[in-house]
């Protein structure tokens, strides 16, 4: 299994945005499960930042929430100037 860079702060902001939009629209997790076809555990893991979800899933969640996918990424965030290299992530 390959080592991948995981920007936890970015993921946390993304998760907060999903929850914010979902709650603003009065949608509970069970409704989001129904609308996306995802498993309840998958939705929970995405919202808690445990699952680093795919772009396809992002689009499906946006569709289920009735928003453009870019709205799920509309949050303040400072990118890391020099993210760790693959070698650094492996601890070498």
Protein backbone atom coordinates (compact mmCIF):
# COMPACT_ATOMS: atom_id res chain seq x y z
CA UNK A 1 0.00 0.00 0.00
CA UNK A 2 1.46 3.37 -1.03
CA UNK A 3 2.09 6.27 1.28
CA UNK A 4 -0.14 9.24 0.47
CA UNK A 5 -0.03 12.79 1.77
CA UNK A 6 -3.16 13.49 3.80
CA UNK A 7 -3.88 17.12 4.62
CA UNK A 8 -5.98 16.61 7.71
CA UNK A 9 -6.78 20.31 8.18
CA UNK A 10 -8.15 20.52 4.64
CA UNK A 11 -10.21 17.37 5.17
CA UNK A 12 -11.60 18.76 8.44
CA UNK A 13 -12.71 21.98 6.71
CA UNK A 14 -14.31 19.96 3.91
CA UNK A 15 -16.17 17.82 6.46
CA UNK A 16 -17.41 20.87 8.34
CA UNK A 17 -18.71 22.31 5.09
CA UNK A 18 -20.68 19.16 4.26
CA UNK A 19 -22.24 19.15 7.72
CA UNK A 20 -22.96 22.89 7.57
CA UNK A 21 -24.78 22.61 4.23
CA UNK A 22 -26.58 19.42 5.22
CA UNK A 23 -27.90 20.95 8.45
CA UNK A 24 -28.79 24.27 6.80
CA UNK A 25 -30.97 22.33 4.37
CA UNK A 26 -32.56 20.29 7.17
CA UNK A 27 -31.10 17.04 5.87
CA UNK A 28 -30.19 14.35 8.39
CA UNK A 29 -27.48 11.75 7.75
CA UNK A 30 -30.08 9.08 6.99
CA UNK A 31 -31.55 11.29 4.24
CA UNK A 32 -28.07 11.81 2.81
CA UNK A 33 -27.57 8.04 2.82
CA UNK A 34 -30.82 7.61 0.92
CA UNK A 35 -29.98 10.34 -1.59
CA UNK A 36 -26.40 9.21 -2.25
CA UNK A 37 -26.81 5.45 -2.00
CA UNK A 38 -23.81 5.37 0.34
CA UNK A 39 -23.70 3.32 3.51
CA UNK A 40 -24.41 5.18 6.78
CA UNK A 41 -20.89 4.30 7.98
CA UNK A 42 -19.41 5.82 4.83
CA UNK A 43 -21.31 9.09 5.32
CA UNK A 44 -20.30 9.15 8.99
CA UNK A 45 -16.66 8.50 8.12
CA UNK A 46 -16.67 11.23 5.48
CA UNK A 47 -18.25 13.73 7.88
CA UNK A 48 -15.77 12.84 10.65
CA UNK A 49 -12.79 13.08 8.30
CA UNK A 50 -11.91 9.42 8.67
CA UNK A 51 -12.53 8.66 5.01
CA UNK A 52 -10.56 10.66 2.43
CA UNK A 53 -13.34 10.56 -0.15
CA UNK A 54 -13.00 10.65 -3.93
CA UNK A 55 -13.95 13.39 -6.36
CA UNK A 56 -16.77 11.16 -7.63
CA UNK A 57 -18.16 10.89 -4.10
CA UNK A 58 -17.82 14.65 -3.65
CA UNK A 59 -19.96 15.14 -6.76
CA UNK A 60 -22.54 12.62 -5.52
CA UNK A 61 -22.75 14.33 -2.12
CA UNK A 62 -23.12 17.75 -3.76
CA UNK A 63 -25.91 16.40 -5.98
CA UNK A 64 -27.65 14.89 -2.95
CA UNK A 65 -27.40 18.22 -1.10
CA UNK A 66 -28.63 20.16 -4.13
CA UNK A 67 -25.51 22.30 -4.45
CA UNK A 68 -22.73 22.74 -7.00
CA UNK A 69 -19.63 20.70 -6.00
CA UNK A 70 -17.59 23.89 -5.67
CA UNK A 71 -19.80 24.89 -2.73
CA UNK A 72 -18.41 21.96 -0.75
CA UNK A 73 -14.94 23.41 -1.24
CA UNK A 74 -15.86 27.01 -0.46
CA UNK A 75 -14.05 27.55 2.83
CA UNK A 76 -11.03 29.46 4.11
CA UNK A 77 -7.90 27.40 4.04
CA UNK A 78 -4.17 27.98 3.97
CA UNK A 79 -2.28 25.51 1.83
CA UNK A 80 1.01 24.13 3.02
CA UNK A 81 3.77 25.81 1.00
CA UNK A 82 5.98 22.74 0.78
CA UNK A 83 4.05 19.57 1.55
CA UNK A 84 6.22 16.66 2.61
CA UNK A 85 7.79 14.66 -0.19
CA UNK A 86 7.00 10.99 -0.65
CA UNK A 87 10.37 10.16 0.89
CA UNK A 88 9.63 12.35 3.93
CA UNK A 89 6.19 10.74 4.35
CA UNK A 90 7.83 7.33 4.43
CA UNK A 91 10.16 8.57 7.17
CA UNK A 92 13.38 8.12 5.20
